[in-house]
Amino acid sequence: MRIAFYGSSLLSSYWNGAATYYRGMLRDLAARGHSIVFYEPDAFGRQQHRDIEPPPWAEVRVYDATEGALRAVMAEAARADVVVKASGVGVFDDELIAGVMAAARPEAIRIFWDVDAPATLAEIQPAPDHALRRALPSLDFVLTYGGGPPVVAAYEALGARRCIPIYNALDPETHHPVPPDPRFAADLSFLANRLPDREARVEAFFLDAAARLPERSFLLGGNGWDGKPMSPNVRRIGHVGTRDHNAFNTSSLAVLNVARDSMASVGYSPATRVFEAAGAGACLITDAWVGLDLFLRDGEEALVARDGAEVAEHLRALTPARARAIGEAARRRVLEGHTYARRGAEVDALLRREAAAIAAQGARA
């Protein structure tokens, strides 16, 4: 099928945590015979911070963030068998959901793909006239990369016909063990951009642990942390491109995952970093959230902490041998049950069943 996918960016992970997810999902769908055009705006400096060049498995159309360019790319939805509008494009989101769905052919499959469901729901629930909320009843699917039963129930209450979680996963060809790199050496490393609904939890889980262990080394990657007060044993390195994520994850004793406030409260929302770290065989220390056991087992495949004191306790007790054992167990778990090949198979089956159903109905006659 021809898929027109309107998202934030496939080419750059700069201020764009969905890049790994997009790449893993769409690469697998292309391998299953789908033809993909990814539309991304030239915005937020992402084209100046590309991690990858345009891949062979998708055509990437970068458009100017202007109304004229927007109209042109929205019109191209009429060529597709599947039209996808992702959340968080960052420019013209309301215009895109209305415009691409209006341009889609009657027999096309219409999808809203939410890569930050808690934030999206918080925006649209109090706003009956929101463009996305108005569009929900006409969509064939809402797909989400996390959120589980609470998100499904919330979307269906707002009028979505079907909401199905398609969780983050691992692309083992992209994220895998590599030799340690001295640039990323630390006892505990953490990679995340500075965001308002993450900062308090970063303070509680990462910075508090660093303050409790002044003799240990801590590494902080991601945008926006300059000027943030932190103890001298924390080293900040700024943006880390996806090509360096494997080395980042294999070069420290342990890697920390901290969910944003909204993700933690909803649960069932493993970040892409969880699977990247597990795929590299890293020992993951993660904050606690409902649904974690669907992906990794506490004490065997990850270490769960409820605050910075518990992070520090885990780190004090962790030996290199145990860290390796936990990382290897996590890698086995995700390779067995949480790869993009499995997620792609889910989406491919959904699309083919829906296309057959539409054909049987005579293109929604």
Foldseek 3Di string as FASTA:
>chain_A
DEEEEEAQDCFFCAVNLCNVVVVQQQQLLLVVPYAYEYEAEPDDCRVVHGLDDDDPSYHYHYFYLDPVRLLVSLLCLCVGQEYEYEPDSPGCSLVNLVRNVVNHDLLHAYEYEYAPQLVVLVVPVVPCPRSVLVCQQVHPEYEYQWQPPVSQVSSVVSRHPGYYYLHAAADLVQFAADDADVVQAFQEEEEDADDPQQVVQCCWAPQVLCVVCVVTAYEYEEPDCPPPDGDPRYDYDYHDRSNCLLNNLNRHLAYEDEDGNSCQVSDGHDRNSLNSNLRNLFAYEYEDHPPCVVQADDPQQYPYDPTNVVSNVCSVPDDSVVRNRNSPRNNVRRVVPGGSNVSNVVVVVVSVVSSVVCVVCVSVD
